Amino acid sequence: MLPAKRDVLLMASCLCDAFFDDVAIASVQVLEHLGCRVVFREAQTCCAQPAFNAGDWPNARNVARHTLSVFRGDEPVVVPSGSCARMLSHGALLLFEGESDRHEHAELAERSFELADFIVNQLGVEHWGGRLEQRLAFHRSCHSRGTRYSQAALSLLRSIEGLELVEFEEAEQCCGFGGSFSLDFPGISREVGALKLACVHESRADALVSSDMGCLLHLSGLANKRGELLTTRHLAQVLRDALLDSIEGGS
């Protein structure tokens, strides 16, 4: 039985806007399948993480305050990005320590959720009713550590009929992106990413899946520069495709 209809606010993130429009579309389709009414507020911009990570906290606060103004209300804010969700739920609390409006950001933090975390731990969906005949490797992003994000994603993936999750060495290894880290230390970033790529290729998975688009963008770009083929999928796309594959297979 699907949960009762409820309104959710979708924060699509900068990467959906610039590179991963289909992830935003898939997120809406997944949430609507679960009975949610998805609201997209067009004034949204960024979670403030780039400036926050770069140490430019005054400008990060400006961006975060805009985000707060856009997502005011009581509805849950769902983000198809572990790093952005973590910024809203944790980074903003650090950013506004000692600020007069910290309590408002704390309120937003309490109702901000990464997509898989929302599906499993808020809607109570533990089994994904679809089918997908693929061998997939799952990348656990650094920003998901210490959260329920990865475990929620893995629970959903493991429940999909026909899908095989393949393990690979250095599963906890960083992709090498680290936001501005890849710009400040490109050599180290490339080497870290190369190690991750080698392990993924050895797994012979059909695609690499993650809940973080930054990791997928970095690894696919690195693979392309090295002349290697790497197929990447976001979790939302896998969940959506499993539903579509199940429908088409039964038609």
C-alpha atoms as a PDB file:
ATOM      1  CA  MET A   1       0.000   0.000   0.000  1.00  0.00           C
ATOM      2  CA  LEU A   2       1.361   3.413  -0.955  1.00  0.00           C
ATOM      3  CA  PRO A   3       1.466   6.225   1.624  1.00  0.00           C
ATOM      4  CA  ALA A   4      -1.317   8.813   1.661  1.00  0.00           C
ATOM      5  CA  LYS A   5      -0.781  11.835  -0.545  1.00  0.00           C
ATOM      6  CA  ARG A   6       1.350  14.574   0.951  1.00  0.00           C
ATOM      7  CA  ASP A   7       3.015  17.682  -0.387  1.00  0.00           C
ATOM      8  CA  VAL A   8       6.796  17.671  -0.639  1.00  0.00           C
ATOM      9  CA  LEU A   9       9.130  20.419  -1.793  1.00  0.00           C
ATOM     10  CA  LEU A  10      11.776  19.319  -4.278  1.00  0.00           C
ATOM     11  CA  MET A  11      15.182  20.974  -4.086  1.00  0.00           C
ATOM     12  CA  ALA A  12      16.684  19.983  -7.413  1.00  0.00           C
ATOM     13  CA  SER A  13      20.231  21.287  -6.679  1.00  0.00           C
ATOM     14  CA  CYS A  14      22.645  23.172  -8.932  1.00  0.00           C
ATOM     15  CA  LEU A  15      23.843  19.969 -10.599  1.00  0.00           C
ATOM     16  CA  CYS A  16      20.331  18.996 -11.680  1.00  0.00           C
ATOM     17  CA  ASP A  17      19.947  22.469 -13.129  1.00  0.00           C
ATOM     18  CA  ALA A  18      23.248  22.387 -15.035  1.00  0.00           C
ATOM     19  CA  PHE A  19      23.957  18.731 -15.839  1.00  0.00           C
ATOM     20  CA  PHE A  20      21.409  16.236 -14.510  1.00  0.00           C
ATOM     21  CA  ASP A  21      17.953  17.416 -15.550  1.00  0.00           C
ATOM     22  CA  ASP A  22      16.766  13.815 -15.890  1.00  0.00           C
ATOM     23  CA  VAL A  23      17.611  13.179 -12.228  1.00  0.00           C
ATOM     24  CA  ALA A  24      15.171  15.917 -11.258  1.00  0.00           C
ATOM     25  CA  ILE A  25      12.550  14.422 -13.584  1.00  0.00           C
ATOM     26  CA  ALA A  26      13.146  10.908 -12.216  1.00  0.00           C
ATOM     27  CA  SER A  27      12.908  12.203  -8.633  1.00  0.00           C
ATOM     28  CA  VAL A  28       9.506  13.727  -9.373  1.00  0.00           C
ATOM     29  CA  GLN A  29       8.320  10.505 -11.034  1.00  0.00           C
ATOM     30  CA  VAL A  30       9.481   8.399  -8.089  1.00  0.00           C
ATOM     31  CA  LEU A  31       7.876  10.645  -5.505  1.00  0.00           C
ATOM     32  CA  GLU A  32       4.629  10.844  -7.457  1.00  0.00           C
ATOM     33  CA  HIS A  33       4.600   7.049  -7.735  1.00  0.00           C
ATOM     34  CA  LEU A  34       4.690   7.004  -3.934  1.00  0.00           C
ATOM     35  CA  GLY A  35       1.669   9.263  -3.737  1.00  0.00           C
ATOM     36  CA  CYS A  36       3.429  12.576  -3.112  1.00  0.00           C
ATOM     37  CA  ARG A  37       2.424  15.888  -4.654  1.00  0.00           C
ATOM     38  CA  VAL A  38       5.724  17.445  -5.689  1.00  0.00           C
ATOM     39  CA  VAL A  39       6.091  21.228  -5.516  1.00  0.00           C
ATOM     40  CA  PHE A  40       9.020  22.903  -7.269  1.00  0.00           C
ATOM     41  CA  ARG A  41       9.684  26.480  -6.207  1.00  0.00           C
ATOM     42  CA  GLU A  42      11.453  28.192  -9.082  1.00  0.00           C
ATOM     43  CA  ALA A  43      13.226  30.787  -6.944  1.00  0.00           C
ATOM     44  CA  GLN A  44      15.504  28.097  -5.511  1.00  0.00           C
ATOM     45  CA  THR A  45      19.214  28.381  -6.284  1.00  0.00           C
ATOM     46  CA  CYS A  46      21.918  26.678  -4.201  1.00  0.00           C
ATOM     47  CA  CYS A  47      22.246  25.033  -0.789  1.00  0.00           C
ATOM     48  CA  ALA A  48      25.322  27.251  -0.072  1.00  0.00           C
ATOM     49  CA  GLN A  49      27.748  24.349   0.094  1.00  0.00           C
ATOM     50  CA  PRO A  50      30.365  25.656  -2.413  1.00  0.00           C
ATOM     51  CA  ALA A  51      30.951  28.889  -0.491  1.00  0.00           C
ATOM     52  CA  PHE A  52      30.706  27.028   2.825  1.00  0.00           C
ATOM     53  CA  ASN A  53      33.391  24.513   1.813  1.00  0.00           C
ATOM     54  CA  ALA A  54      35.605  27.283   0.427  1.00  0.00           C
ATOM     55  CA  GLY A  55      35.497  29.094   3.771  1.00  0.00           C
ATOM     56  CA  ASP A  56      33.545  32.074   2.452  1.00  0.00           C
ATOM     57  CA  TRP A  57      30.974  31.899   5.213  1.00  0.00           C
ATOM     58  CA  PRO A  58      29.565  35.452   4.852  1.00  0.00           C
ATOM     59  CA  ASN A  59      28.487  34.720   1.274  1.00  0.00           C
ATOM     60  CA  ALA A  60      27.448  31.189   2.230  1.00  0.00           C
ATOM     61  CA  ARG A  61      25.061  32.716   4.790  1.00  0.00           C
ATOM     62  CA  ASN A  62      23.587  34.978   2.111  1.00  0.00           C
ATOM     63  CA  VAL A  63      22.871  31.978  -0.114  1.00  0.00           C
ATOM     64  CA  ALA A  64      21.573  29.882   2.784  1.00  0.00           C
ATOM     65  CA  ARG A  65      19.217  32.673   3.869  1.00  0.00           C
ATOM     66  CA  HIS A  66      17.810  32.826   0.359  1.00  0.00           C
ATOM     67  CA  THR A  67      17.289  29.057   0.442  1.00  0.00           C
ATOM     68  CA  LEU A  68      15.524  29.412   3.782  1.00  0.00           C
ATOM     69  CA  SER A  69      13.190  32.044   2.336  1.00  0.00           C
ATOM     70  CA  VAL A  70      12.343  29.821  -0.644  1.00  0.00           C
ATOM     71  CA  PHE A  71      11.574  26.728   1.415  1.00  0.00           C
ATOM     72  CA  ARG A  72       9.570  28.256   4.240  1.00  0.00           C
ATOM     73  CA  GLY A  73       6.589  26.206   5.359  1.00  0.00           C
ATOM     74  CA  ASP A  74       5.863  22.886   7.000  1.00  0.00           C
ATOM     75  CA  GLU A  75       6.407  20.552   4.054  1.00  0.00           C
ATOM     76  CA  PRO A  76       9.406  18.199   3.904  1.00  0.00           C
ATOM     77  CA  VAL A  77      12.188  19.286   1.572  1.00  0.00           C
ATOM     78  CA  VAL A  78      13.478  16.358  -0.482  1.00  0.00           C
ATOM     79  CA  VAL A  79      16.872  16.570  -2.181  1.00  0.00           C
ATOM     80  CA  PRO A  80      18.243  14.002  -4.684  1.00  0.00           C
ATOM     81  CA  SER A  81      21.768  14.747  -3.451  1.00  0.00           C
ATOM     82  CA  GLY A  82      23.420  13.491  -0.295  1.00  0.00           C
ATOM     83  CA  SER A  83      25.844  16.405  -0.128  1.00  0.00           C
ATOM     84  CA  CYS A  84      23.161  19.077  -0.544  1.00  0.00           C
ATOM     85  CA  ALA A  85      20.872  17.344   1.944  1.00  0.00           C
ATOM     86  CA  ARG A  86      23.745  17.180   4.404  1.00  0.00           C
ATOM     87  CA  MET A  87      24.397  20.889   3.923  1.00  0.00           C
ATOM     88  CA  LEU A  88      20.790  21.707   4.755  1.00  0.00           C
ATOM     89  CA  SER A  89      20.570  19.330   7.694  1.00  0.00           C
ATOM     90  CA  HIS A  90      24.037  19.765   9.201  1.00  0.00           C
ATOM     91  CA  GLY A  91      26.267  22.330   7.491  1.00  0.00           C
ATOM     92  CA  ALA A  92      23.775  25.160   7.972  1.00  0.00           C
ATOM     93  CA  LEU A  93      23.719  24.516  11.711  1.00  0.00           C
ATOM     94  CA  LEU A  94      27.473  25.125  11.824  1.00  0.00           C
ATOM     95  CA  LEU A  95      27.206  28.066   9.456  1.00  0.00           C
ATOM     96  CA  PHE A  96      24.717  29.893  11.673  1.00  0.00           C
ATOM     97  CA  GLU A  97      26.196  29.209  15.104  1.00  0.00           C
ATOM     98  CA  GLY A  98      25.912  32.452  17.052  1.00  0.00           C
ATOM     99  CA  GLU A  99      23.590  34.004  14.446  1.00  0.00           C
ATOM    100  CA  SER A 100      20.195  35.340  15.491  1.00  0.00           C
ATOM    101  CA  ASP A 101      18.320  33.301  12.872  1.00  0.00           C
ATOM    102  CA  ARG A 102      19.959  29.937  13.628  1.00  0.00           C
ATOM    103  CA  HIS A 103      16.677  28.553  14.987  1.00  0.00           C
ATOM    104  CA  GLU A 104      15.030  29.090  11.593  1.00  0.00           C
ATOM    105  CA  HIS A 105      17.752  27.124   9.841  1.00  0.00           C
ATOM    106  CA  ALA A 106      17.480  24.423  12.482  1.00  0.00           C
ATOM    107  CA  GLU A 107      13.785  24.125  11.670  1.00  0.00           C
ATOM    108  CA  LEU A 108      14.569  23.742   7.956  1.00  0.00           C
ATOM    109  CA  ALA A 109      17.240  21.177   8.832  1.00  0.00           C
ATOM    110  CA  GLU A 110      14.689  19.026  10.660  1.00  0.00           C
ATOM    111  CA  ARG A 111      12.476  18.723   7.583  1.00  0.00           C
ATOM    112  CA  SER A 112      15.188  18.342   4.952  1.00  0.00           C
ATOM    113  CA  PHE A 113      15.844  14.840   3.628  1.00  0.00           C
ATOM    114  CA  GLU A 114      17.955  13.077   1.032  1.00  0.00           C
ATOM    115  CA  LEU A 115      15.717  11.194  -1.421  1.00  0.00           C
ATOM    116  CA  ALA A 116      16.386   7.589  -0.310  1.00  0.00           C
ATOM    117  CA  ASP A 117      16.312   8.577   3.355  1.00  0.00           C
ATOM    118  CA  PHE A 118      12.916  10.190   2.817  1.00  0.00           C
ATOM    119  CA  ILE A 119      11.506   7.184   0.961  1.00  0.00           C
ATOM    120  CA  VAL A 120      12.665   4.589   3.480  1.00  0.00           C
ATOM    121  CA  ASN A 121      12.716   6.380   6.814  1.00  0.00           C
ATOM    122  CA  GLN A 122       9.894   8.890   6.385  1.00  0.00           C
ATOM    123  CA  LEU A 123       7.472   7.144   4.034  1.00  0.00           C
ATOM    124  CA  GLY A 124       8.309   3.681   5.386  1.00  0.00           C
ATOM    125  CA  VAL A 125       8.881   2.145   1.940  1.00  0.00           C
ATOM    126  CA  GLU A 126      11.366  -0.720   2.234  1.00  0.00           C
ATOM    127  CA  HIS A 127      10.590  -2.701  -0.918  1.00  0.00           C
ATOM    128  CA  TRP A 128      10.728  -1.196  -4.394  1.00  0.00           C
ATOM    129  CA  GLY A 129       8.132  -2.775  -6.638  1.00  0.00           C
ATOM    130  CA  GLY A 130       9.942  -2.904  -9.918  1.00  0.00           C
ATOM    131  CA  ARG A 131      12.271  -5.013 -12.011  1.00  0.00           C
ATOM    132  CA  LEU A 132      15.628  -4.252 -13.618  1.00  0.00           C
ATOM    133  CA  GLU A 133      18.007  -6.795 -15.131  1.00  0.00           C
ATOM    134  CA  GLN A 134      21.333  -5.088 -14.411  1.00  0.00           C
ATOM    135  CA  ARG A 135      24.520  -5.542 -12.413  1.00  0.00           C
ATOM    136  CA  LEU A 136      25.152  -2.306 -10.551  1.00  0.00           C
ATOM    137  CA  ALA A 137      27.917  -1.031  -8.281  1.00  0.00           C
ATOM    138  CA  PHE A 138      26.936   1.481  -5.616  1.00  0.00           C
ATOM    139  CA  HIS A 139      29.194   4.403  -4.643  1.00  0.00           C
ATOM    140  CA  ARG A 140      28.888   5.637  -1.056  1.00  0.00           C
ATOM    141  CA  SER A 141      29.711   9.327  -1.075  1.00  0.00           C
ATOM    142  CA  CYS A 142      31.771  10.965   1.654  1.00  0.00           C
ATOM    143  CA  HIS A 143      28.924  13.315   2.579  1.00  0.00           C
ATOM    144  CA  SER A 144      26.702  10.316   3.288  1.00  0.00           C
ATOM    145  CA  ARG A 145      28.958   9.026   6.037  1.00  0.00           C
ATOM    146  CA  GLY A 146      27.378   9.217   9.458  1.00  0.00           C
ATOM    147  CA  THR A 147      23.897   9.329   7.899  1.00  0.00           C
ATOM    148  CA  ARG A 148      21.230   6.804   6.939  1.00  0.00           C
ATOM    149  CA  TYR A 149      21.444   7.815   3.271  1.00  0.00           C
ATOM    150  CA  SER A 150      23.541   4.962   1.867  1.00  0.00           C
ATOM    151  CA  GLN A 151      21.822   2.237   3.841  1.00  0.00           C
ATOM    152  CA  ALA A 152      18.432   3.493   2.686  1.00  0.00           C
ATOM    153  CA  ALA A 153      19.585   3.508  -0.942  1.00  0.00           C
ATOM    154  CA  LEU A 154      21.042   0.022  -0.646  1.00  0.00           C
ATOM    155  CA  SER A 155      17.838  -1.296   0.927  1.00  0.00           C
ATOM    156  CA  LEU A 156      15.843  -0.048  -2.055  1.00  0.00           C
ATOM    157  CA  LEU A 157      18.321  -1.345  -4.622  1.00  0.00           C
ATOM    158  CA  ARG A 158      18.525  -4.795  -3.022  1.00  0.00           C
ATOM    159  CA  SER A 159      14.748  -5.130  -3.146  1.00  0.00           C
ATOM    160  CA  ILE A 160      14.496  -4.643  -6.924  1.00  0.00           C
ATOM    161  CA  GLU A 161      13.805  -7.901  -8.707  1.00  0.00           C
ATOM    162  CA  GLY A 162      16.463  -8.837 -11.233  1.00  0.00           C
ATOM    163  CA  LEU A 163      18.995  -6.273  -9.995  1.00  0.00           C
ATOM    164  CA  GLU A 164      22.364  -7.555  -8.793  1.00  0.00           C
ATOM    165  CA  LEU A 165      24.474  -5.337  -6.560  1.00  0.00           C
ATOM    166  CA  VAL A 166      28.149  -6.084  -7.079  1.00  0.00           C
ATOM    167  CA  GLU A 167      30.750  -5.343  -4.455  1.00  0.00           C
ATOM    168  CA  PHE A 168      34.095  -3.803  -5.337  1.00  0.00           C
ATOM    169  CA  GLU A 169      37.346  -2.998  -3.565  1.00  0.00           C
ATOM    170  CA  GLU A 170      37.782   0.392  -1.861  1.00  0.00           C
ATOM    171  CA  ALA A 171      34.004   0.819  -1.600  1.00  0.00           C
ATOM    172  CA  GLU A 172      34.450   3.587   0.971  1.00  0.00           C
ATOM    173  CA  GLN A 173      37.104   5.352  -1.106  1.00  0.00           C
ATOM    174  CA  CYS A 174      36.420   9.012  -1.983  1.00  0.00           C
ATOM    175  CA  CYS A 175      35.783   9.745  -5.661  1.00  0.00           C
ATOM    176  CA  GLY A 176      38.380  12.527  -5.513  1.00  0.00           C
ATOM    177  CA  PHE A 177      35.993  15.379  -6.219  1.00  0.00           C
ATOM    178  CA  GLY A 178      35.567  17.082  -2.864  1.00  0.00           C
ATOM    179  CA  GLY A 179      34.085  20.186  -4.466  1.00  0.00           C
ATOM    180  CA  SER A 180      36.795  22.838  -4.552  1.00  0.00           C
ATOM    181  CA  PHE A 181      39.380  20.207  -3.514  1.00  0.00           C
ATOM    182  CA  SER A 182      39.562  18.985  -7.102  1.00  0.00           C
ATOM    183  CA  LEU A 183      40.395  22.542  -8.191  1.00  0.00           C
ATOM    184  CA  ASP A 184      42.937  23.233  -5.465  1.00  0.00           C
ATOM    185  CA  PHE A 185      44.658  19.838  -5.678  1.00  0.00           C
ATOM    186  CA  PRO A 186      43.950  18.469  -9.171  1.00  0.00           C
ATOM    187  CA  GLY A 187      46.806  15.956  -9.140  1.00  0.00           C
ATOM    188  CA  ILE A 188      45.724  14.306  -5.893  1.00  0.00           C
ATOM    189  CA  SER A 189      42.113  14.439  -7.023  1.00  0.00           C
ATOM    190  CA  ARG A 190      42.939  12.576 -10.238  1.00  0.00           C
ATOM    191  CA  GLU A 191      44.880   9.869  -8.421  1.00  0.00           C
ATOM    192  CA  VAL A 192      42.133   9.319  -5.874  1.00  0.00           C
ATOM    193  CA  GLY A 193      39.556   9.109  -8.639  1.00  0.00           C
ATOM    194  CA  ALA A 194      41.741   6.773 -10.711  1.00  0.00           C
ATOM    195  CA  LEU A 195      41.893   4.290  -7.837  1.00  0.00           C
ATOM    196  CA  LYS A 196      38.117   4.378  -7.525  1.00  0.00           C
ATOM    197  CA  LEU A 197      37.681   3.899 -11.272  1.00  0.00           C
ATOM    198  CA  ALA A 198      40.032   0.919 -11.345  1.00  0.00           C
ATOM    199  CA  CYS A 199      38.056  -0.835  -8.619  1.00  0.00           C
ATOM    200  CA  VAL A 200      34.726  -0.121 -10.316  1.00  0.00           C
ATOM    201  CA  HIS A 201      35.997  -1.444 -13.656  1.00  0.00           C
ATOM    202  CA  GLU A 202      37.271  -4.622 -11.973  1.00  0.00           C
ATOM    203  CA  SER A 203      33.764  -5.288 -10.667  1.00  0.00           C
ATOM    204  CA  ARG A 204      32.460  -5.544 -14.263  1.00  0.00           C
ATOM    205  CA  ALA A 205      29.267  -3.776 -13.238  1.00  0.00           C
ATOM    206  CA  ASP A 206      26.955  -2.491 -15.951  1.00  0.00           C
ATOM    207  CA  ALA A 207      26.863   0.934 -14.312  1.00  0.00           C
ATOM    208  CA  LEU A 208      27.982   2.866 -11.255  1.00  0.00           C
ATOM    209  CA  VAL A 209      25.119   4.185  -9.126  1.00  0.00           C
ATOM    210  CA  SER A 210      25.214   6.894  -6.481  1.00  0.00           C
ATOM    211  CA  SER A 211      22.950   9.314  -4.667  1.00  0.00           C
ATOM    212  CA  ASP A 212      25.456  12.125  -5.231  1.00  0.00           C
ATOM    213  CA  MET A 213      25.677  13.733  -8.650  1.00  0.00           C
ATOM    214  CA  GLY A 214      28.975  15.481  -7.887  1.00  0.00           C
ATOM    215  CA  CYS A 215      30.679  12.099  -7.516  1.00  0.00           C
ATOM    216  CA  LEU A 216      29.123  10.790 -10.729  1.00  0.00           C
ATOM    217  CA  LEU A 217      30.088  13.921 -12.644  1.00  0.00           C
ATOM    218  CA  HIS A 218      33.671  13.762 -11.436  1.00  0.00           C
ATOM    219  CA  LEU A 219      34.176  10.055 -12.093  1.00  0.00           C
ATOM    220  CA  SER A 220      32.518  10.069 -15.517  1.00  0.00           C
ATOM    221  CA  GLY A 221      34.566  13.102 -16.526  1.00  0.00           C
ATOM    222  CA  LEU A 222      37.765  11.494 -15.324  1.00  0.00           C
ATOM    223  CA  ALA A 223      36.947   8.260 -17.156  1.00  0.00           C
ATOM    224  CA  ASN A 224      36.257  10.209 -20.357  1.00  0.00           C
ATOM    225  CA  LYS A 225      39.622  11.979 -20.132  1.00  0.00           C
ATOM    226  CA  ARG A 226      41.321   8.616 -19.676  1.00  0.00           C
ATOM    227  CA  GLY A 227      39.527   7.153 -22.685  1.00  0.00           C
ATOM    228  CA  GLU A 228      37.550   4.747 -20.492  1.00  0.00           C
ATOM    229  CA  LEU A 229      33.866   3.877 -20.670  1.00  0.00           C
ATOM    230  CA  LEU A 230      31.907   4.436 -17.463  1.00  0.00           C
ATOM    231  CA  THR A 231      28.126   4.344 -17.369  1.00  0.00           C
ATOM    232  CA  THR A 232      26.699   6.205 -14.395  1.00  0.00           C
ATOM    233  CA  ARG A 233      23.177   6.353 -12.997  1.00  0.00           C
ATOM    234  CA  HIS A 234      21.644   8.270 -10.143  1.00  0.00           C
ATOM    235  CA  LEU A 235      19.565   6.316  -7.654  1.00  0.00           C
ATOM    236  CA  ALA A 236      16.396   8.153  -8.749  1.00  0.00           C
ATOM    237  CA  GLN A 237      16.967   7.057 -12.348  1.00  0.00           C
ATOM    238  CA  VAL A 238      17.420   3.429 -11.303  1.00  0.00           C
ATOM    239  CA  LEU A 239      14.220   3.455  -9.250  1.00  0.00           C
ATOM    240  CA  ARG A 240      12.301   5.078 -12.108  1.00  0.00           C
ATOM    241  CA  ASP A 241      13.776   2.720 -14.716  1.00  0.00           C
ATOM    242  CA  ALA A 242      12.911  -0.323 -12.592  1.00  0.00           C
ATOM    243  CA  LEU A 243       9.272   0.737 -12.634  1.00  0.00           C
ATOM    244  CA  LEU A 244       9.323   1.348 -16.387  1.00  0.00           C
ATOM    245  CA  ASP A 245      11.095  -1.937 -17.086  1.00  0.00           C
ATOM    246  CA  SER A 246       8.545  -3.780 -14.966  1.00  0.00           C
ATOM    247  CA  ILE A 247       5.648  -2.154 -16.846  1.00  0.00           C
ATOM    248  CA  GLU A 248       7.177  -2.774 -20.292  1.00  0.00           C
ATOM    249  CA  GLY A 249       8.093  -6.348 -19.391  1.00  0.00           C
ATOM    250  CA  GLY A 250       4.533  -7.079 -18.401  1.00  0.00           C
ATOM    251  CA  SER A 251       2.915  -5.490 -21.440  1.00  0.00           C
END
